[in-house]
Amino acid sequence: MKHLSLLAIITALCSLGITSAQASFFDDIRSDLTNPEVKAAPKYTALYFSAHWCPPCRQFTPKLVEWYKNFQLKHPNFELVFVSSDRSAGDMEKYIKSANMPWPAVKFEKAGSDTFQKFSSDGIPYLVLINEDGKDLTGQPGNEWQSPTTVLQKIEEIVGGS
């Protein structure tokens, strides 16, 4: 009888989606990425909102590429994901290639979805760190814009200190 009760509880929890192996934020967005080659879901995911038509973005992105190459090697529990604010999928692809972005990108048609826009700001370039539970760790109240350089410092403190 005890086995039956335990089985009933486990079945009920599973039907509610409560299991010991909950998907992470990265796993939840993996199907929205153009190149989801990341093997294990990272503990931290930074979303980078940017566009080729934006001069400050084009100025910051090469710095971010260099930062990422160094930081990600030391912190495999971290991944960066590009969320395009470009005007077309073609513009997005050109930007990714011209900037040599080594990280995954959200599919152009998915970039405007609530999944990503709830973390966006009213200005770009914008960077925000999300934990595995989908919680914004670096955003300001109301997603007020902040310098991506400031956010990089916060990422280094949070991810580097974990």
Protein backbone atom coordinates (compact mmCIF):
# COMPACT_ATOMS: atom_id res chain seq x y z
CA MET A 1 0.00 0.00 0.00
CA LYS A 2 2.89 2.40 0.78
CA HIS A 3 4.29 1.78 -2.70
CA LEU A 4 0.99 2.64 -4.28
CA SER A 5 0.78 5.92 -2.34
CA LEU A 6 4.32 6.90 -3.30
CA LEU A 7 3.65 6.03 -6.92
CA ALA A 8 0.48 8.15 -6.86
CA ILE A 9 2.40 11.12 -5.44
CA ILE A 10 5.19 10.83 -8.01
CA THR A 11 2.66 10.54 -10.84
CA ALA A 12 0.80 13.60 -9.57
CA LEU A 13 3.99 15.67 -9.29
CA CYS A 14 5.11 14.67 -12.78
CA SER A 15 1.73 15.61 -14.24
CA LEU A 16 2.18 19.07 -12.70
CA GLY A 17 5.62 19.34 -14.26
CA ILE A 18 7.37 19.04 -10.90
CA THR A 19 10.34 16.75 -11.25
CA SER A 20 13.86 16.73 -9.92
CA ALA A 21 15.20 17.51 -13.38
CA GLN A 22 13.60 20.86 -14.14
CA ALA A 23 14.73 22.48 -17.38
CA SER A 24 16.97 25.51 -17.08
CA PHE A 25 16.37 28.88 -18.71
CA PHE A 26 18.89 27.95 -21.43
CA ASP A 27 17.15 24.63 -22.09
CA ASP A 28 13.85 26.52 -22.36
CA ILE A 29 15.24 28.81 -25.08
CA ARG A 30 17.46 26.26 -26.86
CA SER A 31 14.89 25.62 -29.63
CA ASP A 32 14.74 29.38 -30.30
CA LEU A 33 18.46 29.56 -31.12
CA THR A 34 20.01 29.49 -34.59
CA ASN A 35 23.08 27.59 -33.40
CA PRO A 36 22.36 25.83 -30.10
CA GLU A 37 25.67 23.97 -30.08
CA VAL A 38 26.16 24.49 -26.36
CA LYS A 39 26.22 20.97 -24.91
CA ALA A 40 25.34 21.42 -21.23
CA ALA A 41 22.92 24.10 -20.13
CA PRO A 42 24.87 26.87 -18.40
CA LYS A 43 23.97 28.16 -14.96
CA TYR A 44 24.08 31.74 -16.29
CA THR A 45 22.91 33.12 -19.64
CA ALA A 46 23.55 36.71 -20.69
CA LEU A 47 21.20 38.14 -23.31
CA TYR A 48 22.82 40.71 -25.60
CA PHE A 49 20.33 43.01 -27.33
CA SER A 50 22.01 44.74 -30.25
CA ALA A 51 21.70 45.62 -33.96
CA HIS A 52 23.97 46.36 -36.88
CA TRP A 53 22.25 49.69 -37.62
CA CYS A 54 23.15 50.95 -34.11
CA PRO A 55 26.56 52.75 -34.01
CA PRO A 56 27.07 52.29 -30.24
CA CYS A 57 26.33 48.56 -30.72
CA ARG A 58 28.90 48.25 -33.51
CA GLN A 59 31.40 50.02 -31.27
CA PHE A 60 30.73 47.79 -28.23
CA THR A 61 30.34 44.39 -29.93
CA PRO A 62 34.05 43.87 -30.81
CA LYS A 63 34.92 44.55 -27.17
CA LEU A 64 32.27 42.05 -26.09
CA VAL A 65 33.66 39.42 -28.49
CA GLU A 66 37.12 39.74 -26.95
CA TRP A 67 35.74 39.76 -23.40
CA TYR A 68 33.61 36.68 -24.14
CA LYS A 69 36.49 34.67 -25.60
CA ASN A 70 38.49 35.14 -22.40
CA PHE A 71 35.64 34.92 -19.88
CA GLN A 72 33.79 31.93 -21.31
CA LEU A 73 36.92 29.75 -21.34
CA LYS A 74 37.29 30.26 -17.58
CA HIS A 75 33.56 30.00 -16.85
CA PRO A 76 31.90 27.10 -18.68
CA ASN A 77 28.78 27.69 -16.54
CA PHE A 78 28.19 30.89 -18.57
CA GLU A 79 26.85 31.51 -22.07
CA LEU A 80 26.02 34.64 -24.04
CA VAL A 81 23.08 34.77 -26.46
CA PHE A 82 22.54 37.46 -29.12
CA VAL A 83 19.02 38.90 -29.41
CA SER A 84 18.82 40.93 -32.62
CA SER A 85 17.08 44.26 -32.99
CA ASP A 86 17.98 44.30 -36.68
CA ARG A 87 15.40 45.09 -39.33
CA SER A 88 15.70 41.76 -41.17
CA ALA A 89 17.07 38.26 -40.78
CA GLY A 90 19.61 39.08 -43.49
CA ASP A 91 20.85 42.13 -41.59
CA MET A 92 21.12 40.00 -38.46
CA GLU A 93 23.20 37.35 -40.25
CA LYS A 94 25.51 40.00 -41.76
CA TYR A 95 26.02 41.52 -38.32
CA ILE A 96 26.81 38.16 -36.71
CA LYS A 97 29.39 37.38 -39.42
CA SER A 98 30.97 40.83 -39.64
CA ALA A 99 31.35 41.05 -35.85
CA ASN A 100 32.59 37.44 -35.56
CA MET A 101 30.09 36.70 -32.80
CA PRO A 102 31.11 33.30 -31.38
CA TRP A 103 27.97 32.76 -29.27
CA PRO A 104 24.48 31.43 -30.05
CA ALA A 105 21.83 33.77 -31.45
CA VAL A 106 18.06 33.84 -31.11
CA LYS A 107 16.30 33.13 -34.41
CA PHE A 108 15.26 36.46 -35.97
CA GLU A 109 11.55 35.60 -35.88
CA LYS A 110 11.77 34.70 -32.15
CA ALA A 111 13.65 37.81 -30.99
CA GLY A 112 10.43 39.80 -30.52
CA SER A 113 8.73 37.15 -28.38
CA ASP A 114 7.83 37.76 -24.74
CA THR A 115 10.43 35.16 -23.73
CA PHE A 116 13.15 37.65 -24.65
CA GLN A 117 11.43 41.03 -24.67
CA LYS A 118 10.54 40.80 -20.98
CA PHE A 119 14.31 41.18 -20.37
CA SER A 120 14.89 43.97 -22.92
CA SER A 121 15.34 47.68 -22.31
CA ASP A 122 14.36 50.81 -24.19
CA GLY A 123 17.89 51.21 -25.53
CA ILE A 124 20.64 49.16 -27.14
CA PRO A 125 23.24 47.86 -26.76
CA TYR A 126 21.78 46.18 -23.71
CA LEU A 127 23.09 43.24 -21.74
CA VAL A 128 21.33 41.33 -18.97
CA LEU A 129 22.34 38.25 -16.96
CA ILE A 130 19.73 35.54 -16.34
CA ASN A 131 20.18 32.63 -13.95
CA GLU A 132 19.14 29.05 -14.61
CA ASP A 133 15.73 29.73 -13.04
CA GLY A 134 15.03 32.57 -15.50
CA LYS A 135 15.62 35.34 -12.96
CA ASP A 136 17.14 38.64 -14.11
CA LEU A 137 20.26 39.18 -11.99
CA THR A 138 21.56 42.49 -13.37
CA GLY A 139 18.61 44.49 -14.68
CA GLN A 140 17.42 47.77 -13.23
CA PRO A 141 13.85 48.34 -12.02
CA GLY A 142 11.61 48.63 -15.05
CA ASN A 143 14.48 47.31 -17.21
CA GLU A 144 15.93 50.80 -17.33
CA TRP A 145 18.88 50.93 -19.73
CA GLN A 146 22.35 50.64 -18.26
CA SER A 147 25.73 50.57 -19.91
CA PRO A 148 26.74 47.07 -21.06
CA THR A 149 30.21 47.76 -19.65
CA THR A 150 28.61 48.13 -16.21
CA VAL A 151 26.75 44.85 -16.72
CA LEU A 152 29.99 43.08 -17.71
CA GLN A 153 31.44 44.09 -14.35
CA LYS A 154 28.36 42.69 -12.60
CA ILE A 155 28.63 39.46 -14.61
CA GLU A 156 32.26 39.08 -13.59
CA GLU A 157 31.29 39.54 -9.93
CA ILE A 158 28.30 37.17 -10.02
CA VAL A 159 29.59 34.41 -12.32
CA GLY A 160 33.23 34.77 -11.34
CA GLY A 161 32.34 34.57 -7.68
CA SER A 162 30.11 31.51 -7.93
